[in-house]
Amino acid sequence: MLQVPFIRENRELTVAGLQKKYFKAAAETVDQVLSLDDARRRIQLDLDNTLAAANELSKQIGNLMREGKKAEAEVSKAETAALKERSKALGEELSKVENELFEVLVLLPNVPHTSVPEGRTPDDNLTIFEHGSLPELPENALAHWDIIKNLDIIDFELGNKITGAGFPVYKGKGARMQRALINFFLDEAIAAGYYEIQPPILINRNSGYGTGQLPDKDGQMYHATEDDLFLIPTAEVPITNMYRDVILTDDQLPVRNAGHTPCFRREAGSWGAHVRGLNRLHQFDKIEIVQIRKPEESYIALEEMVEHVKSLLEKLELPYRILHLCGGDISFASALTYDFEVYSGAQKRWLECSSVSNFETFQSNRLKLRYKVGGKTQLLHTLNGSALALPRILAAILENNQTPDGRVQVPAVLVPYCGFEVI
């Protein structure tokens, strides 16, 4: 959530940033925030003055009674009662204005970093890095959904029977490949200095607000209505919310956590090959890396996280590219995001497999996540990245490593984890 003092001191920058994200009525909404904050400050000042006057009169009443000035004391009591009634009304008015201000603030996305390019759609994202040669596949090369069917390692129809579309069943070597990827990614994260966390996969409403999924993504997450709990869209949410309402000390920083969870996304995909097979699922596994850093360190940490994801893809021998997301494609809470895409040889297209983002103070302001600086508290910066999401990685491995006789060569780095070289 944006901080009101920041908006007040940087109105034009805030408006321009919101417009870069194509937030409707940016200037009007910013002015609404400032107007509500003006009202809040006026009411707060009036309330403070009223309470001070009531306290002063209360002191005088005791003196008047001791001096035998009962009539004057009764007048002061009446004035005190009136002031208390006024303070009660002002308190109610203040609470109403504060709630109105909060309801507007939580609708505002984060202001993008100055380096974020202009643009409305994914077509406007900038490719800033590319690694590896595109695979040369045999003439009879198959898309991963056909490879999966031939090798009988993932069953989409069975998943549809049990749950619905987008919930595949992994079988045999398909299940073992999943486990191999999870363990490989976790081991790499731990070797890079991350602390492993296994969080709950259900969150409460406060956690959804804390990291910015609510109210922005309300209706897009699976919701257990009776208990008002949500299935997580990513491990970022519970891992970051571990630090809600926490003041960290220097010896606790930086925070570098990693966790594996299943992830759940309600959003329905359109029809076509770009959402077929493993390209888009409602349930999938992902390893998430999360950092909490001092503001002056956060963009160094972001580059560190980018290098970590690069190392994973290079060890898997997958061609990939990095995109700098434009204002219209960056997420609600992010200040700056780099997307990673792997090349899918048989589909002849790039598939997003990771996003690495810096949220600056947007989440920490919602979370009240701070650290002490010279006796005062200051908001920290939060960052997260996929390291990595499994479905499209597996799709690229199956397609890029297929042989003319219909088998799939397992990347060498995964062989110790899965126990076989070929599917």
Protein backbone atom coordinates (compact mmCIF):
# COMPACT_ATOMS: atom_id res chain seq x y z
CA MET A 1 0.00 0.00 0.00
CA LEU A 2 1.29 3.43 -0.89
CA GLN A 3 2.16 5.72 2.00
CA VAL A 4 0.12 8.92 2.25
CA PRO A 5 3.16 11.12 3.05
CA PHE A 6 4.84 9.78 -0.11
CA ILE A 7 1.75 10.59 -2.17
CA ARG A 8 1.52 14.07 -0.65
CA GLU A 9 5.21 14.85 -1.28
CA ASN A 10 5.24 13.24 -4.75
CA ARG A 11 1.78 13.84 -6.20
CA GLU A 12 2.85 14.21 -9.84
CA LEU A 13 5.22 11.24 -9.66
CA THR A 14 2.46 9.12 -8.11
CA VAL A 15 -0.07 10.10 -10.77
CA ALA A 16 2.43 9.43 -13.56
CA GLY A 17 3.29 6.04 -12.04
CA LEU A 18 -0.34 5.01 -11.75
CA GLN A 19 -0.94 6.13 -15.32
CA LYS A 20 2.03 4.01 -16.46
CA LYS A 21 0.18 1.04 -14.94
CA TYR A 22 -3.00 2.16 -16.72
CA PHE A 23 -4.85 2.75 -13.47
CA LYS A 24 -8.10 4.53 -14.31
CA ALA A 25 -8.75 8.01 -12.92
CA ALA A 26 -5.24 8.21 -11.44
CA ALA A 27 -5.22 11.98 -10.78
CA GLU A 28 -8.76 12.00 -9.40
CA THR A 29 -8.06 9.08 -7.06
CA VAL A 30 -4.80 10.61 -5.80
CA ASP A 31 -6.62 13.87 -5.10
CA GLN A 32 -9.34 11.91 -3.30
CA VAL A 33 -6.66 10.36 -1.07
CA LEU A 34 -5.18 13.77 -0.29
CA SER A 35 -8.61 15.26 0.39
CA LEU A 36 -9.53 12.44 2.77
CA ASP A 37 -6.16 12.80 4.50
CA ASP A 38 -6.73 16.55 4.86
CA ALA A 39 -10.09 15.79 6.49
CA ARG A 40 -8.49 13.18 8.73
CA ARG A 41 -5.84 15.63 9.88
CA ARG A 42 -8.41 18.39 10.57
CA ILE A 43 -10.62 16.05 12.58
CA GLN A 44 -7.62 14.63 14.47
CA LEU A 45 -6.48 18.16 15.41
CA ASP A 46 -9.99 19.10 16.53
CA LEU A 47 -10.25 15.89 18.55
CA ASP A 48 -6.86 16.45 20.19
CA ASN A 49 -7.80 20.04 21.11
CA THR A 50 -11.19 18.95 22.45
CA LEU A 51 -9.65 16.22 24.62
CA ALA A 52 -7.03 18.63 25.91
CA ALA A 53 -9.71 21.18 26.82
CA ALA A 54 -11.75 18.50 28.60
CA ASN A 55 -8.71 17.39 30.59
CA GLU A 56 -7.91 20.95 31.58
CA LEU A 57 -11.50 21.55 32.75
CA SER A 58 -11.41 18.33 34.75
CA LYS A 59 -8.39 19.60 36.66
CA GLN A 60 -10.12 22.93 37.31
CA ILE A 61 -13.22 21.22 38.71
CA GLY A 62 -11.22 19.69 41.54
CA ASN A 63 -9.69 23.04 42.44
CA LEU A 64 -13.08 24.79 42.35
CA MET A 65 -14.61 22.17 44.63
CA ARG A 66 -11.77 22.52 47.13
CA GLU A 67 -12.24 26.31 47.10
CA GLY A 68 -15.96 25.89 47.78
CA LYS A 69 -16.98 27.27 44.39
CA LYS A 70 -19.59 24.60 43.79
CA ALA A 71 -21.69 26.62 41.31
CA GLU A 72 -18.68 27.33 39.11
CA ALA A 73 -17.65 23.70 39.39
CA GLU A 74 -21.09 22.58 38.17
CA VAL A 75 -20.77 24.89 35.14
CA SER A 76 -17.36 23.37 34.38
CA LYS A 77 -18.79 19.86 34.73
CA ALA A 78 -21.46 20.69 32.16
CA GLU A 79 -18.82 22.08 29.82
CA THR A 80 -16.69 18.95 30.34
CA ALA A 81 -19.67 16.70 29.55
CA ALA A 82 -20.31 18.68 26.36
CA LEU A 83 -16.66 18.38 25.37
CA LYS A 84 -16.74 14.62 25.99
CA GLU A 85 -19.82 14.31 23.79
CA ARG A 86 -18.06 16.31 21.09
CA SER A 87 -14.92 14.17 21.38
CA LYS A 88 -17.04 11.03 20.99
CA ALA A 89 -18.66 12.44 17.84
CA LEU A 90 -15.26 13.51 16.48
CA GLY A 91 -13.85 10.02 17.21
CA GLU A 92 -16.66 8.42 15.22
CA GLU A 93 -16.16 10.90 12.39
CA LEU A 94 -12.40 10.25 12.42
CA SER A 95 -12.93 6.48 12.28
CA LYS A 96 -15.28 6.88 9.31
CA VAL A 97 -12.81 9.05 7.38
CA GLU A 98 -9.90 6.71 8.18
CA ASN A 99 -11.91 3.75 6.87
CA GLU A 100 -12.79 5.65 3.70
CA LEU A 101 -9.13 6.56 3.21
CA PHE A 102 -8.05 2.94 3.71
CA GLU A 103 -10.65 1.67 1.23
CA VAL A 104 -9.26 4.01 -1.45
CA LEU A 105 -5.59 3.34 -0.63
CA VAL A 106 -5.91 -0.46 -0.94
CA LEU A 107 -7.19 -0.02 -4.51
CA LEU A 108 -4.05 1.85 -5.61
CA PRO A 109 -1.31 -0.27 -7.23
CA ASN A 110 2.35 0.27 -6.47
CA VAL A 111 4.17 3.06 -8.30
CA PRO A 112 6.57 1.46 -10.81
CA HIS A 113 10.31 2.06 -10.68
CA THR A 114 11.53 4.78 -13.03
CA SER A 115 13.26 2.17 -15.20
CA VAL A 116 9.99 0.35 -16.00
CA PRO A 117 9.30 0.82 -19.74
CA GLU A 118 6.12 2.32 -21.10
CA GLY A 119 3.67 -0.13 -22.63
CA ARG A 120 0.23 -1.64 -22.21
CA THR A 121 0.57 -5.34 -23.17
CA PRO A 122 3.14 -8.18 -23.00
CA ASP A 123 4.15 -7.26 -26.55
CA ASP A 124 5.63 -4.06 -25.10
CA ASN A 125 7.97 -5.85 -22.66
CA LEU A 126 11.69 -5.44 -23.33
CA THR A 127 13.94 -8.46 -23.90
CA ILE A 128 17.13 -7.60 -22.01
CA PHE A 129 18.99 -10.93 -22.03
CA GLU A 130 18.96 -14.19 -23.95
CA HIS A 131 20.96 -17.36 -23.34
CA GLY A 132 21.40 -20.65 -25.17
CA SER A 133 20.77 -21.95 -28.66
CA LEU A 134 17.28 -22.92 -29.76
CA PRO A 135 16.98 -26.71 -29.95
CA GLU A 136 17.15 -28.55 -33.29
CA LEU A 137 14.47 -31.21 -33.00
CA PRO A 138 13.79 -34.28 -35.14
CA GLU A 139 11.29 -33.93 -37.97
CA ASN A 140 8.69 -35.93 -36.06
CA ALA A 141 9.06 -33.78 -32.94
CA LEU A 142 6.00 -33.76 -30.69
CA ALA A 143 4.50 -31.17 -28.37
CA HIS A 144 4.79 -32.10 -24.71
CA TRP A 145 1.11 -33.10 -24.40
CA ASP A 146 1.65 -35.80 -27.03
CA ILE A 147 4.94 -36.91 -25.43
CA ILE A 148 3.14 -37.16 -22.07
CA LYS A 149 0.38 -39.29 -23.58
CA ASN A 150 2.79 -41.62 -25.39
CA LEU A 151 4.98 -42.14 -22.30
CA ASP A 152 2.00 -42.27 -19.91
CA ILE A 153 3.64 -40.03 -17.30
CA ILE A 154 0.89 -37.42 -16.73
CA ASP A 155 -2.86 -38.01 -17.00
CA PHE A 156 -5.00 -34.95 -17.72
CA GLU A 157 -8.22 -36.94 -18.22
CA LEU A 158 -7.86 -38.64 -14.85
CA GLY A 159 -7.27 -35.28 -13.18
CA ASN A 160 -10.36 -33.93 -14.91
CA LYS A 161 -12.35 -36.90 -13.57
CA ILE A 162 -11.12 -36.40 -10.01
CA THR A 163 -11.26 -32.60 -9.86
CA GLY A 164 -11.58 -30.76 -13.17
CA ALA A 165 -9.54 -29.29 -15.99
CA GLY A 166 -6.14 -27.96 -14.98
CA PHE A 167 -5.51 -30.52 -12.22
CA PRO A 168 -3.26 -33.21 -13.77
CA VAL A 169 -2.24 -36.51 -12.18
CA TYR A 170 1.52 -37.20 -12.36
CA LYS A 171 2.40 -40.91 -12.62
CA GLY A 172 5.51 -43.07 -12.52
CA LYS A 173 8.50 -41.28 -13.99
CA GLY A 174 6.39 -38.13 -14.38
CA ALA A 175 5.86 -38.03 -10.61
CA ARG A 176 9.54 -38.77 -10.01
CA MET A 177 10.56 -35.95 -12.35
CA GLN A 178 8.35 -33.60 -10.36
CA ARG A 179 10.02 -34.69 -7.13
CA ALA A 180 13.46 -34.43 -8.73
CA LEU A 181 12.84 -30.85 -9.88
CA ILE A 182 11.49 -29.83 -6.46
CA ASN A 183 14.47 -31.27 -4.61
CA PHE A 184 16.96 -29.85 -7.11
CA PHE A 185 15.50 -26.34 -6.86
CA LEU A 186 15.35 -26.49 -3.05
CA ASP A 187 18.92 -27.78 -2.76
CA GLU A 188 20.13 -25.00 -5.04
CA ALA A 189 18.28 -22.38 -2.97
CA ILE A 190 19.75 -23.71 0.28
CA ALA A 191 23.25 -23.76 -1.26
CA ALA A 192 22.71 -20.11 -2.24
CA GLY A 193 21.99 -19.16 1.38
CA TYR A 194 18.20 -19.42 1.56
CA TYR A 195 16.48 -20.85 4.63
CA GLU A 196 13.89 -23.50 3.84
CA ILE A 197 10.30 -22.91 4.96
CA GLN A 198 7.28 -25.19 4.56
CA PRO A 199 4.31 -22.85 5.09
CA PRO A 200 0.55 -23.50 5.16
CA ILE A 201 -1.17 -23.49 1.78
CA LEU A 202 -4.27 -21.81 3.17
CA ILE A 203 -4.17 -18.16 4.24
CA ASN A 204 -6.56 -15.86 6.07
CA ARG A 205 -7.90 -12.59 4.73
CA ASN A 206 -5.31 -10.49 6.60
CA SER A 207 -2.52 -12.37 4.83
CA GLY A 208 -4.19 -11.74 1.47
CA TYR A 209 -4.27 -8.02 2.22
CA GLY A 210 -0.73 -8.07 3.57
CA THR A 211 0.93 -9.01 0.28
CA GLY A 212 -1.55 -7.31 -2.04
CA GLN A 213 -3.64 -10.21 -3.35
CA LEU A 214 -6.69 -8.65 -1.71
CA PRO A 215 -8.72 -6.80 -2.73
CA ASP A 216 -6.98 -6.77 -6.16
CA LYS A 217 -7.29 -10.53 -6.79
CA ASP A 218 -10.56 -11.08 -4.93
CA GLY A 219 -12.48 -13.69 -6.90
CA GLN A 220 -9.36 -15.02 -8.61
CA MET A 221 -8.25 -17.22 -5.69
CA TYR A 222 -9.92 -20.41 -4.50
CA HIS A 223 -11.93 -19.42 -1.43
CA ALA A 224 -13.02 -21.71 1.42
CA THR A 225 -16.03 -19.55 2.23
CA GLU A 226 -17.15 -21.15 5.50
CA ASP A 227 -13.79 -20.44 7.16
CA ASP A 228 -12.97 -17.40 4.99
CA LEU A 229 -9.60 -18.92 3.99
CA PHE A 230 -7.90 -18.83 0.59
CA LEU A 231 -5.72 -21.38 -1.22
CA ILE A 232 -2.39 -19.70 -1.92
CA PRO A 233 -1.51 -18.51 -5.45
CA THR A 234 2.20 -18.65 -4.49
CA ALA A 235 4.38 -19.40 -1.45
CA GLU A 236 5.31 -15.70 -1.42
CA VAL A 237 2.07 -14.99 0.44
CA PRO A 238 2.47 -17.15 3.57
CA ILE A 239 6.26 -16.78 3.72
CA THR A 240 6.15 -12.97 3.56
CA ASN A 241 3.23 -12.84 6.01
CA MET A 242 5.38 -14.61 8.60
CA TYR A 243 6.76 -11.10 9.20
CA ARG A 244 3.45 -9.22 9.45
CA ASP A 245 3.46 -6.82 12.44
CA VAL A 246 7.13 -7.58 13.10
CA ILE A 247 9.99 -5.17 13.84
CA LEU A 248 13.26 -6.82 12.79
CA THR A 249 16.67 -6.04 14.22
CA ASP A 250 19.96 -5.72 12.35
CA ASP A 251 21.07 -9.21 13.34
CA GLN A 252 17.87 -10.66 11.77
CA LEU A 253 18.53 -9.04 8.40
CA PRO A 254 18.67 -9.84 5.58
CA VAL A 255 15.85 -12.39 5.52
CA ARG A 256 16.35 -14.97 2.75
CA ASN A 257 13.71 -17.72 2.72
CA ALA A 258 12.76 -20.40 0.20
CA GLY A 259 9.82 -22.76 0.15
CA HIS A 260 8.07 -25.35 -1.99
CA THR A 261 4.28 -25.39 -2.14
CA PRO A 262 1.51 -26.33 -4.49
CA CYS A 263 -0.02 -23.17 -5.95
CA PHE A 264 -3.61 -22.58 -6.98
CA ARG A 265 -4.92 -20.17 -9.64
CA ARG A 266 -8.62 -19.87 -10.43
CA GLU A 267 -8.23 -17.75 -13.55
CA ALA A 268 -9.63 -19.55 -16.56
CA GLY A 269 -7.53 -19.83 -19.69
CA SER A 270 -8.78 -19.27 -23.20
CA TRP A 271 -8.87 -22.09 -25.71
CA GLY A 272 -5.87 -22.93 -27.88
CA ALA A 273 -2.41 -24.47 -27.87
CA HIS A 274 -0.98 -21.69 -25.70
CA VAL A 275 -2.97 -23.01 -22.70
CA ARG A 276 -2.84 -26.70 -23.62
CA GLY A 277 -1.13 -29.41 -21.56
CA LEU A 278 1.19 -27.98 -18.92
CA ASN A 279 1.11 -24.47 -20.35
CA ARG A 280 -1.54 -23.30 -17.88
CA LEU A 281 -2.82 -25.17 -14.83
CA HIS A 282 -5.06 -24.43 -11.88
CA GLN A 283 -2.76 -26.38 -9.53
CA PHE A 284 1.01 -26.58 -9.91
CA ASP A 285 4.18 -26.84 -7.83
CA LYS A 286 6.62 -23.99 -7.40
CA ILE A 287 9.69 -23.12 -5.36
CA GLU A 288 9.64 -19.51 -4.23
CA ILE A 289 12.52 -17.39 -2.96
CA VAL A 290 11.70 -14.42 -0.71
CA GLN A 291 13.97 -11.70 0.58
CA ILE A 292 13.41 -8.88 3.06
CA ARG A 293 16.04 -6.17 2.81
CA LYS A 294 16.91 -2.66 3.88
CA PRO A 295 15.83 -0.14 1.21
CA GLU A 296 19.39 0.67 0.12
CA GLU A 297 20.10 -3.04 -0.49
CA SER A 298 16.96 -4.18 -2.27
CA TYR A 299 17.98 -3.63 -5.89
CA ILE A 300 21.29 -5.37 -5.28
CA ALA A 301 19.25 -8.26 -3.86
CA LEU A 302 17.00 -8.22 -6.94
CA GLU A 303 19.99 -8.71 -9.24
CA GLU A 304 21.24 -11.49 -6.95
CA MET A 305 17.89 -13.26 -7.30
CA VAL A 306 17.99 -12.86 -11.08
CA GLU A 307 21.43 -14.49 -11.17
CA HIS A 308 20.13 -17.38 -9.06
CA VAL A 309 17.28 -18.10 -11.50
CA LYS A 310 19.69 -17.84 -14.44
CA SER A 311 21.94 -20.46 -12.84
CA LEU A 312 19.03 -22.90 -12.48
CA LEU A 313 18.04 -22.65 -16.13
CA GLU A 314 21.63 -22.96 -17.29
CA LYS A 315 22.17 -26.09 -15.19
CA LEU A 316 19.03 -27.56 -16.79
CA GLU A 317 20.52 -26.63 -20.19
CA LEU A 318 17.39 -24.78 -21.23
CA PRO A 319 17.48 -21.77 -23.57
CA TYR A 320 15.90 -18.78 -21.88
CA ARG A 321 15.41 -15.04 -22.08
CA ILE A 322 14.73 -12.28 -19.55
CA LEU A 323 12.07 -9.62 -20.05
CA HIS A 324 11.82 -6.25 -18.31
CA LEU A 325 8.07 -5.91 -17.84
CA CYS A 326 6.36 -2.75 -19.03
CA GLY A 327 3.98 -0.66 -16.92
CA GLY A 328 0.85 -2.28 -18.31
CA ASP A 329 2.07 -5.84 -17.69
CA ILE A 330 3.70 -5.47 -14.27
CA SER A 331 1.71 -6.79 -11.30
CA PHE A 332 -0.43 -4.72 -8.94
CA ALA A 333 2.07 -4.81 -6.06
CA SER A 334 5.37 -4.77 -7.96
CA ALA A 335 7.68 -1.81 -8.47
CA LEU A 336 9.90 -3.70 -10.94
CA THR A 337 9.63 -7.21 -12.40
CA TYR A 338 11.84 -9.37 -14.58
CA ASP A 339 10.16 -12.34 -16.25
CA PHE A 340 12.07 -15.44 -17.33
CA GLU A 341 10.89 -17.44 -20.32
CA VAL A 342 12.12 -20.83 -21.52
CA TYR A 343 11.95 -21.85 -25.16
CA SER A 344 9.58 -24.68 -25.99
CA GLY A 345 11.11 -26.40 -29.02
CA ALA A 346 8.11 -28.27 -30.42
CA GLN A 347 5.66 -25.43 -29.78
CA LYS A 348 8.21 -22.94 -31.11
CA ARG A 349 7.29 -20.39 -28.48
CA TRP A 350 8.57 -18.85 -25.26
CA LEU A 351 6.95 -19.92 -22.00
CA GLU A 352 7.09 -17.82 -18.83
CA CYS A 353 8.58 -19.83 -15.97
CA SER A 354 9.58 -17.21 -13.39
CA SER A 355 8.94 -13.67 -12.22
CA VAL A 356 11.44 -11.88 -9.99
CA SER A 357 10.09 -8.71 -8.38
CA ASN A 358 10.91 -5.89 -5.98
CA PHE A 359 7.87 -4.53 -4.14
CA GLU A 360 9.87 -1.86 -2.29
CA THR A 361 7.71 -0.73 0.70
CA PHE A 362 4.32 -1.56 -0.88
CA GLN A 363 3.87 -4.86 0.94
CA SER A 364 5.75 -3.90 4.09
CA ASN A 365 3.46 -0.89 4.60
CA ARG A 366 0.45 -3.22 4.51
CA LEU A 367 2.26 -5.74 6.70
CA LYS A 368 3.66 -3.16 9.14
CA LEU A 369 7.01 -4.86 8.57
CA ARG A 370 9.77 -2.58 9.89
CA TYR A 371 13.25 -2.41 11.34
CA LYS A 372 14.85 -0.07 13.85
CA VAL A 373 17.14 2.71 12.66
CA GLY A 374 18.64 4.95 15.35
CA GLY A 375 15.77 4.36 17.72
CA LYS A 376 13.13 4.92 15.01
CA THR A 377 11.36 2.37 12.83
CA GLN A 378 11.50 2.29 9.04
CA LEU A 379 9.72 0.15 6.47
CA LEU A 380 11.71 -2.64 4.83
CA HIS A 381 11.66 -3.73 1.19
CA THR A 382 10.23 -7.12 0.17
CA LEU A 383 11.22 -9.16 -2.89
CA ASN A 384 10.22 -12.52 -4.30
CA GLY A 385 10.95 -14.77 -7.26
CA SER A 386 9.96 -18.11 -8.75
CA ALA A 387 12.92 -20.48 -8.57
CA LEU A 388 11.22 -22.17 -10.32
CA ALA A 389 7.62 -22.98 -11.33
CA LEU A 390 7.56 -26.60 -12.50
CA PRO A 391 4.95 -27.09 -15.28
CA ARG A 392 6.53 -25.10 -18.11
CA ILE A 393 10.03 -26.19 -17.09
CA LEU A 394 8.91 -29.79 -17.43
CA ALA A 395 7.19 -29.00 -20.74
CA ALA A 396 10.42 -27.49 -22.12
CA ILE A 397 12.53 -30.43 -20.86
CA LEU A 398 10.20 -32.96 -22.51
CA GLU A 399 10.06 -31.12 -25.83
CA ASN A 400 13.66 -29.96 -26.13
CA ASN A 401 15.21 -33.28 -25.03
CA GLN A 402 13.08 -35.68 -27.10
CA THR A 403 14.82 -38.21 -29.34
CA PRO A 404 13.76 -39.52 -32.79
CA ASP A 405 12.66 -42.83 -31.22
CA GLY A 406 10.18 -41.10 -28.89
CA ARG A 407 12.19 -41.10 -25.68
CA VAL A 408 13.23 -38.11 -23.55
CA GLN A 409 16.77 -37.54 -22.30
CA VAL A 410 16.83 -36.32 -18.69
CA PRO A 411 19.08 -33.28 -18.03
CA ALA A 412 22.31 -34.52 -16.43
CA VAL A 413 21.84 -32.36 -13.31
CA LEU A 414 18.54 -34.15 -12.54
CA VAL A 415 19.75 -37.74 -13.00
CA PRO A 416 21.01 -38.07 -9.37
CA TYR A 417 17.65 -36.81 -8.16
CA CYS A 418 15.34 -38.99 -10.28
CA GLY A 419 17.54 -42.06 -10.66
CA PHE A 420 17.17 -42.53 -14.42
CA GLU A 421 18.68 -40.94 -17.53
CA VAL A 422 15.89 -41.56 -20.01
CA ILE A 423 12.09 -41.60 -20.02
